[in-house]
Amino acid sequence: MTEYNLTVIIPKDEDGNFLAICPALQGCYTDGETLEEALGMIKDAIKLHIEYRLENGESIPIEIYSSQLKIEV
């Protein structure tokens, strides 16, 4: 079993829901009414996404670097 470390970004939308996005896996996102629900759902989505890619002979992107940037405007 291979272990993957992937970045997940979770902003809150205008309706108060939490959108969970895994930027390394294009199209891998979900949402939830609570942070805990969104985290649980994105974990499931990531697992399914990786399993699908592996079954179809596709590579899994490896994150090289992630950072938060502070931008003043």
PDB file of N, CA and C in Angstrom:
ATOM      1  N   MET A   1       0.850  -1.177   0.000  1.00  0.00           N
ATOM      2  CA  MET A   1       0.000   0.000   0.000  1.00  0.00           C
ATOM      3  C   MET A   1       0.896   1.240   0.000  1.00  0.00           C
ATOM      4  N   THR A   2       0.631   2.144  -0.922  1.00  0.00           N
ATOM      5  CA  THR A   2       1.403   3.373  -1.033  1.00  0.00           C
ATOM      6  C   THR A   2       0.695   4.493  -0.285  1.00  0.00           C
ATOM      7  N   GLU A   3       1.468   5.321   0.382  1.00  0.00           N
ATOM      8  CA  GLU A   3       0.921   6.474   1.104  1.00  0.00           C
ATOM      9  C   GLU A   3       1.203   7.735   0.308  1.00  0.00           C
ATOM     10  N   TYR A   4       0.195   8.577   0.166  1.00  0.00           N
ATOM     11  CA  TYR A   4       0.325   9.837  -0.562  1.00  0.00           C
ATOM     12  C   TYR A   4       0.078  10.999   0.389  1.00  0.00           C
ATOM     13  N   ASN A   5       0.873  12.052   0.244  1.00  0.00           N
ATOM     14  CA  ASN A   5       0.671  13.287   0.998  1.00  0.00           C
ATOM     15  C   ASN A   5       0.244  14.359   0.010  1.00  0.00           C
ATOM     16  N   LEU A   6      -0.993  14.810   0.124  1.00  0.00           N
ATOM     17  CA  LEU A   6      -1.549  15.760  -0.827  1.00  0.00           C
ATOM     18  C   LEU A   6      -2.132  16.968  -0.097  1.00  0.00           C
ATOM     19  N   THR A   7      -1.987  18.105  -0.708  1.00  0.00           N
ATOM     20  CA  THR A   7      -2.547  19.333  -0.158  1.00  0.00           C
ATOM     21  C   THR A   7      -4.044  19.380  -0.425  1.00  0.00           C
ATOM     22  N   VAL A   8      -4.799  19.795   0.570  1.00  0.00           N
ATOM     23  CA  VAL A   8      -6.235  20.025   0.438  1.00  0.00           C
ATOM     24  C   VAL A   8      -6.510  21.454   0.883  1.00  0.00           C
ATOM     25  N   ILE A   9      -7.275  22.160   0.075  1.00  0.00           N
ATOM     26  CA  ILE A   9      -7.655  23.540   0.383  1.00  0.00           C
ATOM     27  C   ILE A   9      -9.148  23.546   0.673  1.00  0.00           C
ATOM     28  N   ILE A  10      -9.551  24.210   1.769  1.00  0.00           N
ATOM     29  CA  ILE A  10     -10.967  24.218   2.138  1.00  0.00           C
ATOM     30  C   ILE A  10     -11.425  25.647   2.453  1.00  0.00           C
ATOM     31  N   PRO A  11     -11.937  26.345   1.440  1.00  0.00           N
ATOM     32  CA  PRO A  11     -12.563  27.641   1.701  1.00  0.00           C
ATOM     33  C   PRO A  11     -14.045  27.444   2.050  1.00  0.00           C
ATOM     34  N   LYS A  12     -14.633  28.461   2.614  1.00  0.00           N
ATOM     35  CA  LYS A  12     -16.056  28.451   2.930  1.00  0.00           C
ATOM     36  C   LYS A  12     -16.756  29.285   1.866  1.00  0.00           C
ATOM     37  N   ASP A  13     -17.839  28.750   1.272  1.00  0.00           N
ATOM     38  CA  ASP A  13     -18.512  29.495   0.208  1.00  0.00           C
ATOM     39  C   ASP A  13     -19.545  30.474   0.767  1.00  0.00           C
ATOM     40  N   GLU A  14     -20.177  31.205  -0.134  1.00  0.00           N
ATOM     41  CA  GLU A  14     -21.120  32.253   0.278  1.00  0.00           C
ATOM     42  C   GLU A  14     -22.371  31.702   0.967  1.00  0.00           C
ATOM     43  N   ASP A  15     -22.652  30.408   0.791  1.00  0.00           N
ATOM     44  CA  ASP A  15     -23.800  29.775   1.441  1.00  0.00           C
ATOM     45  C   ASP A  15     -23.437  29.151   2.789  1.00  0.00           C
ATOM     46  N   GLY A  16     -22.150  29.237   3.162  1.00  0.00           N
ATOM     47  CA  GLY A  16     -21.710  28.682   4.432  1.00  0.00           C
ATOM     48  C   GLY A  16     -21.222  27.248   4.354  1.00  0.00           C
ATOM     49  N   ASN A  17     -21.196  26.675   3.148  1.00  0.00           N
ATOM     50  CA  ASN A  17     -20.682  25.316   2.977  1.00  0.00           C
ATOM     51  C   ASN A  17     -19.169  25.343   2.820  1.00  0.00           C
ATOM     52  N   PHE A  18     -18.543  24.212   3.096  1.00  0.00           N
ATOM     53  CA  PHE A  18     -17.096  24.080   2.983  1.00  0.00           C
ATOM     54  C   PHE A  18     -16.769  23.328   1.701  1.00  0.00           C
ATOM     55  N   LEU A  19     -16.000  23.953   0.818  1.00  0.00           N
ATOM     56  CA  LEU A  19     -15.585  23.341  -0.439  1.00  0.00           C
ATOM     57  C   LEU A  19     -14.189  22.775  -0.241  1.00  0.00           C
ATOM     58  N   ALA A  20     -14.022  21.480  -0.454  1.00  0.00           N
ATOM     59  CA  ALA A  20     -12.726  20.823  -0.282  1.00  0.00           C
ATOM     60  C   ALA A  20     -12.153  20.494  -1.657  1.00  0.00           C
ATOM     61  N   ILE A  21     -10.934  20.972  -1.913  1.00  0.00           N
ATOM     62  CA  ILE A  21     -10.295  20.827  -3.221  1.00  0.00           C
ATOM     63  C   ILE A  21      -8.910  20.219  -3.037  1.00  0.00           C
ATOM     64  N   CYS A  22      -8.574  19.247  -3.890  1.00  0.00           N
ATOM     65  CA  CYS A  22      -7.221  18.699  -3.936  1.00  0.00           C
ATOM     66  C   CYS A  22      -6.597  19.166  -5.251  1.00  0.00           C
ATOM     67  N   PRO A  23      -5.809  20.246  -5.234  1.00  0.00           N
ATOM     68  CA  PRO A  23      -5.291  20.825  -6.472  1.00  0.00           C
ATOM     69  C   PRO A  23      -4.424  19.881  -7.314  1.00  0.00           C
ATOM     70  N   ALA A  24      -3.730  18.953  -6.701  1.00  0.00           N
ATOM     71  CA  ALA A  24      -2.843  18.057  -7.452  1.00  0.00           C
ATOM     72  C   ALA A  24      -3.622  17.068  -8.321  1.00  0.00           C
ATOM     73  N   LEU A  25      -4.870  16.796  -7.939  1.00  0.00           N
ATOM     74  CA  LEU A  25      -5.695  15.836  -8.667  1.00  0.00           C
ATOM     75  C   LEU A  25      -6.813  16.604  -9.369  1.00  0.00           C
ATOM     76  N   GLN A  26      -6.584  16.940 -10.607  1.00  0.00           N
ATOM     77  CA  GLN A  26      -7.516  17.762 -11.365  1.00  0.00           C
ATOM     78  C   GLN A  26      -8.934  17.203 -11.301  1.00  0.00           C
ATOM     79  N   GLY A  27      -9.878  18.054 -10.914  1.00  0.00           N
ATOM     80  CA  GLY A  27     -11.273  17.653 -10.834  1.00  0.00           C
ATOM     81  C   GLY A  27     -11.650  16.950  -9.543  1.00  0.00           C
ATOM     82  N   CYS A  28     -10.740  16.867  -8.596  1.00  0.00           N
ATOM     83  CA  CYS A  28     -11.012  16.184  -7.334  1.00  0.00           C
ATOM     84  C   CYS A  28     -11.419  17.216  -6.284  1.00  0.00           C
ATOM     85  N   TYR A  29     -12.720  17.305  -6.072  1.00  0.00           N
ATOM     86  CA  TYR A  29     -13.250  18.251  -5.094  1.00  0.00           C
ATOM     87  C   TYR A  29     -14.598  17.762  -4.596  1.00  0.00           C
ATOM     88  N   THR A  30     -15.035  18.285  -3.478  1.00  0.00           N
ATOM     89  CA  THR A  30     -16.334  17.966  -2.903  1.00  0.00           C
ATOM     90  C   THR A  30     -16.707  19.089  -1.950  1.00  0.00           C
ATOM     91  N   ASP A  31     -17.852  18.990  -1.329  1.00  0.00           N
ATOM     92  CA  ASP A  31     -18.217  19.990  -0.328  1.00  0.00           C
ATOM     93  C   ASP A  31     -19.001  19.340   0.802  1.00  0.00           C
ATOM     94  N   GLY A  32     -19.146  20.096   1.869  1.00  0.00           N
ATOM     95  CA  GLY A  32     -19.885  19.606   3.021  1.00  0.00           C
ATOM     96  C   GLY A  32     -20.442  20.762   3.821  1.00  0.00           C
ATOM     97  N   GLU A  33     -21.420  20.474   4.647  1.00  0.00           N
ATOM     98  CA  GLU A  33     -22.023  21.515   5.480  1.00  0.00           C
ATOM     99  C   GLU A  33     -21.116  21.899   6.646  1.00  0.00           C
ATOM    100  N   THR A  34     -20.232  20.976   7.048  1.00  0.00           N
ATOM    101  CA  THR A  34     -19.282  21.259   8.127  1.00  0.00           C
ATOM    102  C   THR A  34     -17.873  20.961   7.633  1.00  0.00           C
ATOM    103  N   LEU A  35     -16.893  21.483   8.341  1.00  0.00           N
ATOM    104  CA  LEU A  35     -15.498  21.216   8.003  1.00  0.00           C
ATOM    105  C   LEU A  35     -15.209  19.721   8.096  1.00  0.00           C
ATOM    106  N   GLU A  36     -15.706  19.078   9.142  1.00  0.00           N
ATOM    107  CA  GLU A  36     -15.471  17.649   9.339  1.00  0.00           C
ATOM    108  C   GLU A  36     -16.076  16.833   8.204  1.00  0.00           C
ATOM    109  N   GLU A  37     -17.280  17.206   7.771  1.00  0.00           N
ATOM    110  CA  GLU A  37     -17.920  16.496   6.668  1.00  0.00           C
ATOM    111  C   GLU A  37     -17.119  16.673   5.374  1.00  0.00           C
ATOM    112  N   ALA A  38     -16.676  17.898   5.109  1.00  0.00           N
ATOM    113  CA  ALA A  38     -15.890  18.169   3.901  1.00  0.00           C
ATOM    114  C   ALA A  38     -14.578  17.390   3.922  1.00  0.00           C
ATOM    115  N   LEU A  39     -13.912  17.331   5.073  1.00  0.00           N
ATOM    116  CA  LEU A  39     -12.659  16.575   5.185  1.00  0.00           C
ATOM    117  C   LEU A  39     -12.885  15.086   4.937  1.00  0.00           C
ATOM    118  N   GLY A  40     -13.929  14.535   5.514  1.00  0.00           N
ATOM    119  CA  GLY A  40     -14.225  13.124   5.313  1.00  0.00           C
ATOM    120  C   GLY A  40     -14.532  12.817   3.857  1.00  0.00           C
ATOM    121  N   MET A  41     -15.283  13.705   3.226  1.00  0.00           N
ATOM    122  CA  MET A  41     -15.668  13.480   1.835  1.00  0.00           C
ATOM    123  C   MET A  41     -14.484  13.639   0.886  1.00  0.00           C
ATOM    124  N   ILE A  42     -13.579  14.599   1.165  1.00  0.00           N
ATOM    125  CA  ILE A  42     -12.432  14.772   0.265  1.00  0.00           C
ATOM    126  C   ILE A  42     -11.476  13.591   0.408  1.00  0.00           C
ATOM    127  N   LYS A  43     -11.356  13.034   1.607  1.00  0.00           N
ATOM    128  CA  LYS A  43     -10.520  11.838   1.761  1.00  0.00           C
ATOM    129  C   LYS A  43     -11.050  10.699   0.905  1.00  0.00           C
ATOM    130  N   ASP A  44     -12.358  10.505   0.930  1.00  0.00           N
ATOM    131  CA  ASP A  44     -12.976   9.467   0.091  1.00  0.00           C
ATOM    132  C   ASP A  44     -12.769   9.774  -1.390  1.00  0.00           C
ATOM    133  N   ALA A  45     -12.966  11.039  -1.775  1.00  0.00           N
ATOM    134  CA  ALA A  45     -12.817  11.438  -3.179  1.00  0.00           C
ATOM    135  C   ALA A  45     -11.383  11.222  -3.659  1.00  0.00           C
ATOM    136  N   ILE A  46     -10.407  11.566  -2.819  1.00  0.00           N
ATOM    137  CA  ILE A  46      -9.000  11.389  -3.189  1.00  0.00           C
ATOM    138  C   ILE A  46      -8.693   9.904  -3.371  1.00  0.00           C
ATOM    139  N   LYS A  47      -9.149   9.091  -2.427  1.00  0.00           N
ATOM    140  CA  LYS A  47      -8.896   7.643  -2.520  1.00  0.00           C
ATOM    141  C   LYS A  47      -9.484   7.080  -3.808  1.00  0.00           C
ATOM    142  N   LEU A  48     -10.722   7.422  -4.115  1.00  0.00           N
ATOM    143  CA  LEU A  48     -11.366   6.935  -5.336  1.00  0.00           C
ATOM    144  C   LEU A  48     -10.651   7.446  -6.582  1.00  0.00           C
ATOM    145  N   HIS A  49     -10.237   8.690  -6.553  1.00  0.00           N
ATOM    146  CA  HIS A  49      -9.535   9.301  -7.685  1.00  0.00           C
ATOM    147  C   HIS A  49      -8.219   8.555  -7.954  1.00  0.00           C
ATOM    148  N   ILE A  50      -7.457   8.314  -6.902  1.00  0.00           N
ATOM    149  CA  ILE A  50      -6.178   7.608  -7.047  1.00  0.00           C
ATOM    150  C   ILE A  50      -6.407   6.175  -7.521  1.00  0.00           C
ATOM    151  N   GLU A  51      -7.373   5.479  -6.928  1.00  0.00           N
ATOM    152  CA  GLU A  51      -7.665   4.108  -7.345  1.00  0.00           C
ATOM    153  C   GLU A  51      -8.029   4.061  -8.830  1.00  0.00           C
ATOM    154  N   TYR A  52      -8.840   4.988  -9.287  1.00  0.00           N
ATOM    155  CA  TYR A  52      -9.235   5.040 -10.692  1.00  0.00           C
ATOM    156  C   TYR A  52      -8.017   5.241 -11.593  1.00  0.00           C
ATOM    157  N   ARG A  53      -7.165   6.206 -11.215  1.00  0.00           N
ATOM    158  CA  ARG A  53      -5.980   6.469 -12.032  1.00  0.00           C
ATOM    159  C   ARG A  53      -5.067   5.255 -12.104  1.00  0.00           C
ATOM    160  N   LEU A  54      -4.863   4.591 -10.981  1.00  0.00           N
ATOM    161  CA  LEU A  54      -3.997   3.408 -10.963  1.00  0.00           C
ATOM    162  C   LEU A  54      -4.581   2.277 -11.802  1.00  0.00           C
ATOM    163  N   GLU A  55      -5.895   2.061 -11.695  1.00  0.00           N
ATOM    164  CA  GLU A  55      -6.549   1.006 -12.475  1.00  0.00           C
ATOM    165  C   GLU A  55      -6.441   1.263 -13.973  1.00  0.00           C
ATOM    166  N   ASN A  56      -6.329   2.530 -14.364  1.00  0.00           N
ATOM    167  CA  ASN A  56      -6.268   2.900 -15.771  1.00  0.00           C
ATOM    168  C   ASN A  56      -4.849   3.204 -16.239  1.00  0.00           C
ATOM    169  N   GLY A  57      -3.861   2.825 -15.424  1.00  0.00           N
ATOM    170  CA  GLY A  57      -2.464   2.986 -15.808  1.00  0.00           C
ATOM    171  C   GLY A  57      -1.980   4.428 -15.836  1.00  0.00           C
ATOM    172  N   GLU A  58      -2.704   5.316 -15.171  1.00  0.00           N
ATOM    173  CA  GLU A  58      -2.309   6.724 -15.134  1.00  0.00           C
ATOM    174  C   GLU A  58      -1.385   6.977 -13.940  1.00  0.00           C
ATOM    175  N   SER A  59      -0.533   7.963 -14.078  1.00  0.00           N
ATOM    176  CA  SER A  59       0.375   8.301 -12.979  1.00  0.00           C
ATOM    177  C   SER A  59      -0.353   9.152 -11.939  1.00  0.00           C
ATOM    178  N   ILE A  60       0.205   9.160 -10.745  1.00  0.00           N
ATOM    179  CA  ILE A  60      -0.316   9.993  -9.659  1.00  0.00           C
ATOM    180  C   ILE A  60       0.635  11.173  -9.500  1.00  0.00           C
ATOM    181  N   PRO A  61       0.130  12.397  -9.640  1.00  0.00           N
ATOM    182  CA  PRO A  61       1.011  13.562  -9.490  1.00  0.00           C
ATOM    183  C   PRO A  61       1.624  13.597  -8.083  1.00  0.00           C
ATOM    184  N   ILE A  62       2.889  13.897  -8.025  1.00  0.00           N
ATOM    185  CA  ILE A  62       3.590  14.031  -6.750  1.00  0.00           C
ATOM    186  C   ILE A  62       3.832  15.507  -6.497  1.00  0.00           C
ATOM    187  N   GLU A  63       3.364  15.975  -5.359  1.00  0.00           N
ATOM    188  CA  GLU A  63       3.572  17.380  -5.020  1.00  0.00           C
ATOM    189  C   GLU A  63       5.038  17.595  -4.652  1.00  0.00           C
ATOM    190  N   ILE A  64       5.624  18.608  -5.229  1.00  0.00           N
ATOM    191  CA  ILE A  64       7.013  18.940  -4.954  1.00  0.00           C
ATOM    192  C   ILE A  64       7.111  20.048  -3.912  1.00  0.00           C
ATOM    193  N   TYR A  65       6.172  20.975  -3.978  1.00  0.00           N
ATOM    194  CA  TYR A  65       6.274  22.137  -3.106  1.00  0.00           C
ATOM    195  C   TYR A  65       4.896  22.765  -2.938  1.00  0.00           C
ATOM    196  N   SER A  66       4.584  23.209  -1.746  1.00  0.00           N
ATOM    197  CA  SER A  66       3.392  24.018  -1.521  1.00  0.00           C
ATOM    198  C   SER A  66       3.736  25.059  -0.452  1.00  0.00           C
ATOM    199  N   SER A  67       3.087  26.194  -0.574  1.00  0.00           N
ATOM    200  CA  SER A  67       3.363  27.283   0.354  1.00  0.00           C
ATOM    201  C   SER A  67       2.176  28.226   0.380  1.00  0.00           C
ATOM    202  N   GLN A  68       2.077  28.974   1.438  1.00  0.00           N
ATOM    203  CA  GLN A  68       1.106  30.058   1.489  1.00  0.00           C
ATOM    204  C   GLN A  68       1.856  31.344   1.195  1.00  0.00           C
ATOM    205  N   LEU A  69       1.264  32.170   0.388  1.00  0.00           N
ATOM    206  CA  LEU A  69       1.879  33.443   0.046  1.00  0.00           C
ATOM    207  C   LEU A  69       1.051  34.585   0.626  1.00  0.00           C
ATOM    208  N   LYS A  70       1.698  35.547   1.181  1.00  0.00           N
ATOM    209  CA  LYS A  70       1.012  36.721   1.704  1.00  0.00           C
ATOM    210  C   LYS A  70       1.168  37.825   0.644  1.00  0.00           C
ATOM    211  N   ILE A  71       0.042  38.299   0.127  1.00  0.00           N
ATOM    212  CA  ILE A  71       0.029  39.312  -0.916  1.00  0.00           C
ATOM    213  C   ILE A  71      -0.716  40.530  -0.408  1.00  0.00           C
ATOM    214  N   GLU A  72      -0.110  41.673  -0.526  1.00  0.00           N
ATOM    215  CA  GLU A  72      -0.787  42.919  -0.143  1.00  0.00           C
ATOM    216  C   GLU A  72      -1.260  43.629  -1.402  1.00  0.00           C
ATOM    217  N   VAL A  73      -2.501  44.078  -1.368  1.00  0.00           N
ATOM    218  CA  VAL A  73      -3.063  44.796  -2.520  1.00  0.00           C
ATOM    219  C   VAL A  73      -3.615  46.118  -2.040  1.00  0.00           C
TER     220      VAL A  73
END
